[in-house]
Amino acid sequence: MAGLELGEDESKGVVESFRDSNPLIVRLWHRLEVACESRAGGHYALPLPCTQQDPALKRFVLYRDVVPSDEDITATVAGERVKVYGGLIAENWTQATARDVLASAWLRCVQAGFVPVLSVHDELVFELSEATAEADLARIITIMEAPVPWAPHLPLKVEGKLMPFYSK
């Protein structure tokens, strides 16, 4: 990890310090793990925030065939049996929600006449006319930073740059 080397005791201290200073996150992990475990023998479907506005979307993170044991909880995810724990569930939920935020921005851009030519992870790429590129970029940023209806208080910040060709 970026040349960082920690011994086992130091690593445990970092983890403990994070958990002590972030009790709300730790409680979320615990609640998610307990909810998953309670679905023993069945499926755990965690609804995504976008379903609050439109239940017809039926978007959720799904863990199939949940099996708790004395040591851990396992479930089938994307056809693979994996160990499931609160932190992983929170990470999966966060990533899926981020995808929905980007998809929402994508649709708003298309409605405004800006159709992406490429999507890479958390970015949209547009081909713009040189004559209007600066104004178009400013408009796209404004569109993408607009609150999503199902998370109106979620702060969104978008960066953009003009380039003659795609590059990271």
N, C-alpha and C. Protein backbone atom coordinates (compact mmCIF):
# COMPACT_ATOMS: atom_id res chain seq x y z
N MET A 1 0.84 -1.19 0.00
CA MET A 1 0.00 0.00 0.00
C MET A 1 0.88 1.25 0.00
N ALA A 2 1.25 1.69 -1.17
CA ALA A 2 2.01 2.93 -1.31
C ALA A 2 3.29 2.93 -0.49
N GLY A 3 3.91 1.76 -0.34
CA GLY A 3 5.16 1.68 0.40
C GLY A 3 5.00 1.74 1.90
N LEU A 4 3.77 1.68 2.38
CA LEU A 4 3.51 1.75 3.81
C LEU A 4 3.67 0.35 4.41
N GLU A 5 4.51 0.26 5.42
CA GLU A 5 4.70 -1.02 6.09
C GLU A 5 4.35 -0.87 7.57
N LEU A 6 3.41 -1.69 8.00
CA LEU A 6 2.97 -1.67 9.40
C LEU A 6 3.11 -3.08 9.98
N GLY A 7 3.54 -3.15 11.21
CA GLY A 7 3.56 -4.42 11.91
C GLY A 7 2.15 -4.78 12.35
N GLU A 8 1.98 -6.00 12.83
CA GLU A 8 0.65 -6.46 13.22
C GLU A 8 0.08 -5.61 14.36
N ASP A 9 0.88 -5.31 15.38
CA ASP A 9 0.39 -4.50 16.51
C ASP A 9 0.01 -3.10 16.05
N GLU A 10 0.84 -2.50 15.20
CA GLU A 10 0.55 -1.16 14.70
C GLU A 10 -0.72 -1.17 13.83
N SER A 11 -0.88 -2.22 13.02
CA SER A 11 -2.08 -2.35 12.19
C SER A 11 -3.33 -2.44 13.06
N LYS A 12 -3.26 -3.26 14.10
CA LYS A 12 -4.40 -3.39 15.00
C LYS A 12 -4.73 -2.06 15.67
N GLY A 13 -3.70 -1.29 16.01
CA GLY A 13 -3.90 0.03 16.62
C GLY A 13 -4.60 0.99 15.68
N VAL A 14 -4.22 0.96 14.40
CA VAL A 14 -4.85 1.83 13.40
C VAL A 14 -6.32 1.48 13.27
N VAL A 15 -6.61 0.17 13.20
CA VAL A 15 -8.00 -0.28 13.08
C VAL A 15 -8.81 0.14 14.31
N GLU A 16 -8.26 -0.09 15.48
CA GLU A 16 -8.95 0.27 16.72
C GLU A 16 -9.19 1.77 16.81
N SER A 17 -8.21 2.56 16.41
CA SER A 17 -8.34 4.02 16.43
C SER A 17 -9.45 4.48 15.48
N PHE A 18 -9.49 3.89 14.27
CA PHE A 18 -10.54 4.24 13.31
C PHE A 18 -11.91 3.92 13.90
N ARG A 19 -12.04 2.72 14.45
CA ARG A 19 -13.33 2.30 15.00
C ARG A 19 -13.75 3.17 16.18
N ASP A 20 -12.81 3.54 17.03
CA ASP A 20 -13.12 4.40 18.18
C ASP A 20 -13.57 5.79 17.74
N SER A 21 -12.99 6.29 16.67
CA SER A 21 -13.32 7.65 16.23
C SER A 21 -14.48 7.70 15.24
N ASN A 22 -15.02 6.55 14.85
CA ASN A 22 -16.13 6.51 13.88
C ASN A 22 -17.24 5.56 14.36
N PRO A 23 -17.84 5.84 15.51
CA PRO A 23 -18.83 4.90 16.06
C PRO A 23 -20.07 4.74 15.18
N LEU A 24 -20.46 5.77 14.44
CA LEU A 24 -21.64 5.63 13.59
C LEU A 24 -21.39 4.63 12.46
N ILE A 25 -20.20 4.65 11.91
CA ILE A 25 -19.85 3.70 10.85
C ILE A 25 -19.83 2.29 11.42
N VAL A 26 -19.22 2.13 12.58
CA VAL A 26 -19.14 0.80 13.21
C VAL A 26 -20.54 0.27 13.52
N ARG A 27 -21.43 1.15 14.00
CA ARG A 27 -22.81 0.72 14.27
C ARG A 27 -23.52 0.32 12.97
N LEU A 28 -23.27 1.06 11.89
CA LEU A 28 -23.85 0.70 10.60
C LEU A 28 -23.37 -0.69 10.18
N TRP A 29 -22.07 -0.94 10.28
CA TRP A 29 -21.55 -2.26 9.94
C TRP A 29 -22.27 -3.34 10.74
N HIS A 30 -22.42 -3.10 12.03
CA HIS A 30 -23.05 -4.09 12.90
C HIS A 30 -24.51 -4.33 12.49
N ARG A 31 -25.25 -3.25 12.25
CA ARG A 31 -26.66 -3.39 11.85
C ARG A 31 -26.80 -4.17 10.55
N LEU A 32 -25.92 -3.87 9.58
CA LEU A 32 -25.98 -4.57 8.30
C LEU A 32 -25.65 -6.05 8.46
N GLU A 33 -24.66 -6.35 9.27
CA GLU A 33 -24.27 -7.74 9.50
C GLU A 33 -25.39 -8.52 10.21
N VAL A 34 -26.00 -7.91 11.22
CA VAL A 34 -27.10 -8.56 11.94
C VAL A 34 -28.28 -8.78 10.99
N ALA A 35 -28.58 -7.81 10.16
CA ALA A 35 -29.69 -7.94 9.21
C ALA A 35 -29.43 -9.07 8.22
N CYS A 36 -28.19 -9.16 7.75
CA CYS A 36 -27.83 -10.23 6.81
C CYS A 36 -27.93 -11.59 7.51
N GLU A 37 -27.37 -11.68 8.70
CA GLU A 37 -27.38 -12.93 9.44
C GLU A 37 -28.80 -13.41 9.73
N SER A 38 -29.72 -12.47 9.93
CA SER A 38 -31.11 -12.82 10.24
C SER A 38 -31.81 -13.48 9.05
N ARG A 39 -31.21 -13.40 7.90
CA ARG A 39 -31.79 -14.01 6.69
C ARG A 39 -31.23 -15.40 6.44
N ALA A 40 -30.73 -16.04 7.49
CA ALA A 40 -30.12 -17.37 7.38
C ALA A 40 -31.00 -18.32 6.57
N GLY A 41 -30.38 -19.00 5.62
CA GLY A 41 -31.11 -19.95 4.78
C GLY A 41 -31.84 -19.30 3.62
N GLY A 42 -31.85 -17.98 3.58
CA GLY A 42 -32.54 -17.27 2.51
C GLY A 42 -31.64 -16.25 1.86
N HIS A 43 -32.23 -15.20 1.37
CA HIS A 43 -31.49 -14.14 0.69
C HIS A 43 -31.61 -12.84 1.49
N TYR A 44 -30.54 -12.05 1.45
CA TYR A 44 -30.55 -10.73 2.07
C TYR A 44 -30.50 -9.71 0.94
N ALA A 45 -31.56 -8.94 0.79
CA ALA A 45 -31.65 -7.91 -0.24
C ALA A 45 -31.69 -6.55 0.44
N LEU A 46 -30.63 -5.78 0.27
CA LEU A 46 -30.52 -4.46 0.88
C LEU A 46 -30.93 -3.40 -0.14
N PRO A 47 -32.08 -2.75 0.05
CA PRO A 47 -32.56 -1.76 -0.92
C PRO A 47 -31.58 -0.58 -1.04
N LEU A 48 -31.44 -0.08 -2.25
CA LEU A 48 -30.61 1.10 -2.49
C LEU A 48 -31.45 2.36 -2.34
N PRO A 49 -30.82 3.48 -2.01
CA PRO A 49 -31.57 4.72 -1.77
C PRO A 49 -32.47 5.15 -2.92
N CYS A 50 -32.10 4.85 -4.15
CA CYS A 50 -32.91 5.29 -5.29
C CYS A 50 -34.30 4.67 -5.27
N THR A 51 -34.48 3.53 -4.59
CA THR A 51 -35.80 2.89 -4.54
C THR A 51 -36.77 3.65 -3.65
N GLN A 52 -36.25 4.56 -2.80
CA GLN A 52 -37.13 5.35 -1.95
C GLN A 52 -38.01 6.26 -2.79
N GLN A 53 -37.45 6.79 -3.87
CA GLN A 53 -38.21 7.69 -4.73
C GLN A 53 -39.08 6.90 -5.70
N ASP A 54 -38.55 5.80 -6.21
CA ASP A 54 -39.26 5.03 -7.22
C ASP A 54 -39.14 3.54 -6.91
N PRO A 55 -40.05 3.00 -6.09
CA PRO A 55 -39.97 1.58 -5.72
C PRO A 55 -40.00 0.64 -6.92
N ALA A 56 -40.48 1.12 -8.07
CA ALA A 56 -40.51 0.29 -9.27
C ALA A 56 -39.10 -0.04 -9.75
N LEU A 57 -38.11 0.76 -9.33
CA LEU A 57 -36.73 0.49 -9.75
C LEU A 57 -36.22 -0.84 -9.19
N LYS A 58 -36.65 -1.16 -7.98
CA LYS A 58 -36.26 -2.41 -7.34
C LYS A 58 -34.76 -2.67 -7.43
N ARG A 59 -33.97 -1.67 -7.03
CA ARG A 59 -32.52 -1.82 -7.01
C ARG A 59 -32.09 -2.17 -5.59
N PHE A 60 -31.26 -3.17 -5.47
CA PHE A 60 -30.77 -3.58 -4.16
C PHE A 60 -29.47 -4.35 -4.33
N VAL A 61 -28.75 -4.48 -3.23
CA VAL A 61 -27.57 -5.33 -3.18
C VAL A 61 -28.07 -6.67 -2.65
N LEU A 62 -27.73 -7.75 -3.34
CA LEU A 62 -28.30 -9.06 -3.02
C LEU A 62 -27.22 -10.05 -2.60
N TYR A 63 -27.48 -10.70 -1.48
CA TYR A 63 -26.63 -11.79 -0.98
C TYR A 63 -27.53 -13.02 -0.93
N ARG A 64 -27.22 -14.02 -1.73
CA ARG A 64 -28.05 -15.23 -1.84
C ARG A 64 -27.57 -16.31 -0.87
N ASP A 65 -28.51 -17.13 -0.46
CA ASP A 65 -28.19 -18.31 0.35
C ASP A 65 -27.28 -17.98 1.53
N VAL A 66 -27.75 -17.12 2.39
CA VAL A 66 -26.98 -16.68 3.57
C VAL A 66 -26.82 -17.85 4.54
N VAL A 67 -25.56 -18.09 4.95
CA VAL A 67 -25.27 -19.17 5.90
C VAL A 67 -24.37 -18.65 7.01
N PRO A 68 -24.94 -18.39 8.19
CA PRO A 68 -24.10 -18.00 9.33
C PRO A 68 -23.52 -19.24 10.01
N SER A 69 -22.33 -19.09 10.55
CA SER A 69 -21.73 -20.16 11.34
C SER A 69 -21.12 -19.52 12.58
N ASP A 70 -20.47 -20.32 13.40
CA ASP A 70 -19.83 -19.76 14.60
C ASP A 70 -18.71 -18.79 14.24
N GLU A 71 -18.04 -19.02 13.11
CA GLU A 71 -16.89 -18.19 12.73
C GLU A 71 -17.27 -16.98 11.87
N ASP A 72 -18.22 -17.16 10.93
CA ASP A 72 -18.51 -16.08 9.99
C ASP A 72 -19.86 -16.29 9.32
N ILE A 73 -20.14 -15.42 8.38
CA ILE A 73 -21.35 -15.51 7.56
C ILE A 73 -20.87 -15.64 6.13
N THR A 74 -21.46 -16.56 5.37
CA THR A 74 -21.14 -16.65 3.96
C THR A 74 -22.43 -16.50 3.16
N ALA A 75 -22.26 -16.10 1.91
CA ALA A 75 -23.40 -15.96 0.99
C ALA A 75 -22.87 -16.07 -0.42
N THR A 76 -23.77 -16.28 -1.34
CA THR A 76 -23.39 -16.33 -2.75
C THR A 76 -23.60 -14.94 -3.34
N VAL A 77 -22.53 -14.42 -3.93
CA VAL A 77 -22.55 -13.11 -4.57
C VAL A 77 -21.96 -13.27 -5.96
N ALA A 78 -22.73 -12.91 -6.98
CA ALA A 78 -22.27 -13.03 -8.37
C ALA A 78 -21.77 -14.44 -8.66
N GLY A 79 -22.49 -15.44 -8.13
CA GLY A 79 -22.17 -16.84 -8.39
C GLY A 79 -21.02 -17.41 -7.59
N GLU A 80 -20.45 -16.62 -6.69
CA GLU A 80 -19.31 -17.08 -5.90
C GLU A 80 -19.65 -17.04 -4.41
N ARG A 81 -19.23 -18.07 -3.69
CA ARG A 81 -19.45 -18.12 -2.24
C ARG A 81 -18.40 -17.25 -1.57
N VAL A 82 -18.84 -16.27 -0.78
CA VAL A 82 -17.91 -15.33 -0.15
C VAL A 82 -18.25 -15.13 1.32
N LYS A 83 -17.25 -14.72 2.09
CA LYS A 83 -17.46 -14.33 3.48
C LYS A 83 -18.12 -12.95 3.46
N VAL A 84 -19.14 -12.78 4.25
CA VAL A 84 -19.90 -11.52 4.28
C VAL A 84 -19.80 -10.94 5.69
N TYR A 85 -19.55 -9.64 5.77
CA TYR A 85 -19.47 -8.96 7.06
C TYR A 85 -19.95 -7.52 6.85
N GLY A 86 -20.23 -6.86 7.95
CA GLY A 86 -20.83 -5.53 7.88
C GLY A 86 -20.07 -4.53 7.02
N GLY A 87 -18.75 -4.49 7.15
CA GLY A 87 -17.95 -3.56 6.36
C GLY A 87 -18.06 -3.81 4.87
N LEU A 88 -18.09 -5.08 4.48
CA LEU A 88 -18.22 -5.43 3.06
C LEU A 88 -19.60 -5.03 2.53
N ILE A 89 -20.63 -5.30 3.33
CA ILE A 89 -21.99 -4.94 2.91
C ILE A 89 -22.09 -3.42 2.74
N ALA A 90 -21.52 -2.66 3.68
CA ALA A 90 -21.53 -1.19 3.58
C ALA A 90 -20.77 -0.73 2.34
N GLU A 91 -19.65 -1.36 2.05
CA GLU A 91 -18.87 -0.99 0.85
C GLU A 91 -19.66 -1.28 -0.42
N ASN A 92 -20.27 -2.47 -0.50
CA ASN A 92 -21.07 -2.81 -1.68
C ASN A 92 -22.24 -1.85 -1.87
N TRP A 93 -22.91 -1.52 -0.76
CA TRP A 93 -24.04 -0.59 -0.80
C TRP A 93 -23.58 0.79 -1.27
N THR A 94 -22.44 1.24 -0.76
CA THR A 94 -21.90 2.56 -1.13
C THR A 94 -21.54 2.60 -2.61
N GLN A 95 -20.87 1.56 -3.11
CA GLN A 95 -20.49 1.53 -4.52
C GLN A 95 -21.71 1.48 -5.44
N ALA A 96 -22.71 0.71 -5.06
CA ALA A 96 -23.93 0.63 -5.86
C ALA A 96 -24.67 1.97 -5.86
N THR A 97 -24.67 2.64 -4.72
CA THR A 97 -25.30 3.97 -4.64
C THR A 97 -24.54 4.98 -5.49
N ALA A 98 -23.21 4.92 -5.47
CA ALA A 98 -22.40 5.82 -6.30
C ALA A 98 -22.70 5.58 -7.78
N ARG A 99 -22.89 4.33 -8.16
CA ARG A 99 -23.26 4.02 -9.54
C ARG A 99 -24.58 4.68 -9.90
N ASP A 100 -25.55 4.63 -8.98
CA ASP A 100 -26.85 5.23 -9.23
C ASP A 100 -26.77 6.75 -9.34
N VAL A 101 -25.89 7.37 -8.55
CA VAL A 101 -25.69 8.82 -8.63
C VAL A 101 -25.13 9.17 -10.02
N LEU A 102 -24.14 8.41 -10.49
CA LEU A 102 -23.56 8.67 -11.81
C LEU A 102 -24.59 8.42 -12.91
N ALA A 103 -25.37 7.35 -12.78
CA ALA A 103 -26.39 7.06 -13.80
C ALA A 103 -27.43 8.18 -13.86
N SER A 104 -27.78 8.72 -12.72
CA SER A 104 -28.73 9.83 -12.67
C SER A 104 -28.16 11.06 -13.39
N ALA A 105 -26.89 11.36 -13.11
CA ALA A 105 -26.24 12.49 -13.78
C ALA A 105 -26.16 12.25 -15.29
N TRP A 106 -25.87 11.03 -15.68
CA TRP A 106 -25.79 10.67 -17.09
C TRP A 106 -27.12 10.98 -17.78
N LEU A 107 -28.21 10.53 -17.17
CA LEU A 107 -29.53 10.77 -17.78
C LEU A 107 -29.85 12.25 -17.86
N ARG A 108 -29.50 13.02 -16.83
CA ARG A 108 -29.76 14.47 -16.88
C ARG A 108 -28.93 15.12 -17.98
N CYS A 109 -27.71 14.67 -18.18
CA CYS A 109 -26.87 15.22 -19.25
C CYS A 109 -27.48 14.92 -20.62
N VAL A 110 -27.93 13.69 -20.80
CA VAL A 110 -28.55 13.30 -22.07
C VAL A 110 -29.80 14.16 -22.32
N GLN A 111 -30.61 14.36 -21.29
CA GLN A 111 -31.82 15.18 -21.44
C GLN A 111 -31.47 16.62 -21.83
N ALA A 112 -30.29 17.08 -21.43
CA ALA A 112 -29.86 18.44 -21.76
C ALA A 112 -29.13 18.49 -23.10
N GLY A 113 -29.00 17.34 -23.78
CA GLY A 113 -28.36 17.32 -25.09
C GLY A 113 -26.89 16.95 -25.08
N PHE A 114 -26.36 16.56 -23.94
CA PHE A 114 -24.95 16.15 -23.84
C PHE A 114 -24.90 14.63 -23.67
N VAL A 115 -24.55 13.92 -24.74
CA VAL A 115 -24.53 12.46 -24.72
C VAL A 115 -23.09 11.99 -24.55
N PRO A 116 -22.81 11.29 -23.45
CA PRO A 116 -21.44 10.80 -23.26
C PRO A 116 -21.04 9.82 -24.36
N VAL A 117 -19.78 9.88 -24.74
CA VAL A 117 -19.26 8.92 -25.72
C VAL A 117 -18.54 7.77 -25.03
N LEU A 118 -18.30 7.95 -23.73
CA LEU A 118 -17.55 6.95 -22.99
C LEU A 118 -17.81 7.13 -21.50
N SER A 119 -17.84 6.02 -20.79
CA SER A 119 -17.93 6.04 -19.33
C SER A 119 -16.82 5.15 -18.80
N VAL A 120 -16.04 5.68 -17.86
CA VAL A 120 -14.96 4.91 -17.24
C VAL A 120 -15.11 5.06 -15.73
N HIS A 121 -15.47 3.95 -15.06
CA HIS A 121 -15.66 3.93 -13.61
C HIS A 121 -16.56 5.07 -13.14
N ASP A 122 -15.96 6.15 -12.61
CA ASP A 122 -16.76 7.24 -12.05
C ASP A 122 -16.70 8.50 -12.90
N GLU A 123 -16.47 8.34 -14.19
CA GLU A 123 -16.41 9.53 -15.04
C GLU A 123 -17.18 9.33 -16.34
N LEU A 124 -17.67 10.46 -16.85
CA LEU A 124 -18.31 10.49 -18.15
C LEU A 124 -17.42 11.31 -19.07
N VAL A 125 -17.33 10.87 -20.31
CA VAL A 125 -16.51 11.56 -21.31
C VAL A 125 -17.43 12.03 -22.42
N PHE A 126 -17.28 13.31 -22.80
CA PHE A 126 -18.12 13.91 -23.82
C PHE A 126 -17.24 14.42 -24.96
N GLU A 127 -17.78 14.40 -26.16
CA GLU A 127 -17.12 15.05 -27.29
C GLU A 127 -17.87 16.36 -27.52
N LEU A 128 -17.12 17.47 -27.40
CA LEU A 128 -17.74 18.80 -27.48
C LEU A 128 -17.15 19.60 -28.62
N SER A 129 -17.93 20.51 -29.13
CA SER A 129 -17.45 21.43 -30.15
C SER A 129 -16.42 22.37 -29.53
N GLU A 130 -15.32 22.60 -30.20
CA GLU A 130 -14.30 23.50 -29.67
C GLU A 130 -14.85 24.90 -29.44
N ALA A 131 -15.76 25.32 -30.29
CA ALA A 131 -16.30 26.67 -30.21
C ALA A 131 -17.08 26.91 -28.91
N THR A 132 -17.71 25.89 -28.40
CA THR A 132 -18.55 26.05 -27.20
C THR A 132 -18.08 25.19 -26.03
N ALA A 133 -16.90 24.59 -26.15
CA ALA A 133 -16.44 23.60 -25.17
C ALA A 133 -16.41 24.13 -23.74
N GLU A 134 -15.89 25.33 -23.53
CA GLU A 134 -15.80 25.86 -22.16
C GLU A 134 -17.19 26.05 -21.54
N ALA A 135 -18.09 26.63 -22.29
CA ALA A 135 -19.46 26.84 -21.78
C ALA A 135 -20.17 25.51 -21.59
N ASP A 136 -19.95 24.58 -22.52
CA ASP A 136 -20.58 23.26 -22.41
C ASP A 136 -20.07 22.53 -21.16
N LEU A 137 -18.76 22.59 -20.92
CA LEU A 137 -18.20 21.94 -19.75
C LEU A 137 -18.80 22.52 -18.47
N ALA A 138 -18.90 23.83 -18.41
CA ALA A 138 -19.49 24.47 -17.23
C ALA A 138 -20.94 24.00 -17.04
N ARG A 139 -21.67 23.89 -18.11
CA ARG A 139 -23.08 23.43 -18.03
C ARG A 139 -23.15 21.98 -17.58
N ILE A 140 -22.29 21.13 -18.13
CA ILE A 140 -22.26 19.71 -17.75
C ILE A 140 -21.96 19.57 -16.26
N ILE A 141 -20.99 20.33 -15.77
CA ILE A 141 -20.65 20.28 -14.34
C ILE A 141 -21.84 20.69 -13.49
N THR A 142 -22.53 21.75 -13.88
CA THR A 142 -23.72 22.19 -13.15
C THR A 142 -24.79 21.10 -13.14
N ILE A 143 -25.00 20.48 -14.29
CA ILE A 143 -26.00 19.41 -14.39
C ILE A 143 -25.63 18.25 -13.48
N MET A 144 -24.35 17.86 -13.51
CA MET A 144 -23.91 16.69 -12.74
C MET A 144 -23.89 16.95 -11.24
N GLU A 145 -23.72 18.21 -10.85
CA GLU A 145 -23.70 18.54 -9.42
C GLU A 145 -25.10 18.78 -8.84
N ALA A 146 -26.11 18.75 -9.69
CA ALA A 146 -27.48 18.94 -9.21
C ALA A 146 -27.85 17.78 -8.28
N PRO A 147 -28.55 18.08 -7.19
CA PRO A 147 -28.95 17.01 -6.26
C PRO A 147 -29.82 15.97 -6.95
N VAL A 148 -29.66 14.73 -6.53
CA VAL A 148 -30.54 13.68 -7.03
C VAL A 148 -31.80 13.66 -6.15
N PRO A 149 -32.95 13.44 -6.73
CA PRO A 149 -34.21 13.51 -5.96
C PRO A 149 -34.25 12.58 -4.76
N TRP A 150 -33.65 11.42 -4.84
CA TRP A 150 -33.71 10.45 -3.75
C TRP A 150 -32.61 10.66 -2.70
N ALA A 151 -31.73 11.64 -2.92
CA ALA A 151 -30.71 12.00 -1.92
C ALA A 151 -30.45 13.50 -2.01
N PRO A 152 -31.47 14.31 -1.70
CA PRO A 152 -31.36 15.75 -1.93
C PRO A 152 -30.27 16.46 -1.12
N HIS A 153 -29.81 15.87 -0.03
CA HIS A 153 -28.80 16.52 0.80
C HIS A 153 -27.40 15.96 0.58
N LEU A 154 -27.28 15.06 -0.38
CA LEU A 154 -25.97 14.48 -0.70
C LEU A 154 -25.13 15.52 -1.45
N PRO A 155 -24.02 15.95 -0.86
CA PRO A 155 -23.19 16.95 -1.57
C PRO A 155 -22.46 16.30 -2.74
N LEU A 156 -22.59 16.90 -3.91
CA LEU A 156 -21.93 16.38 -5.10
C LEU A 156 -20.94 17.40 -5.63
N LYS A 157 -19.75 16.96 -5.95
CA LYS A 157 -18.71 17.83 -6.51
C LYS A 157 -18.15 17.13 -7.73
N VAL A 158 -18.11 17.85 -8.84
CA VAL A 158 -17.65 17.29 -10.11
C VAL A 158 -16.46 18.10 -10.60
N GLU A 159 -15.46 17.38 -11.10
CA GLU A 159 -14.32 18.03 -11.75
C GLU A 159 -14.39 17.70 -13.23
N GLY A 160 -13.98 18.63 -14.05
CA GLY A 160 -13.95 18.40 -15.48
C GLY A 160 -12.79 19.13 -16.11
N LYS A 161 -12.35 18.62 -17.25
CA LYS A 161 -11.28 19.32 -17.97
C LYS A 161 -11.45 19.07 -19.45
N LEU A 162 -10.97 20.03 -20.22
CA LEU A 162 -11.02 19.93 -21.67
C LEU A 162 -9.70 19.40 -22.19
N MET A 163 -9.78 18.42 -23.08
CA MET A 163 -8.59 17.80 -23.64
C MET A 163 -8.86 17.46 -25.10
N PRO A 164 -7.82 17.47 -25.94
CA PRO A 164 -8.03 17.14 -27.35
C PRO A 164 -8.26 15.64 -27.57
N PHE A 165 -7.94 14.81 -26.57
CA PHE A 165 -8.15 13.37 -26.66
C PHE A 165 -8.29 12.82 -25.25
N TYR A 166 -8.84 11.61 -25.13
CA TYR A 166 -9.07 11.03 -23.80
C TYR A 166 -7.75 10.63 -23.16
N SER A 167 -7.63 10.93 -21.87
CA SER A 167 -6.49 10.52 -21.08
C SER A 167 -6.89 10.54 -19.61
N LYS A 168 -6.29 9.71 -18.81
CA LYS A 168 -6.57 9.70 -17.37
C LYS A 168 -5.87 10.86 -16.72
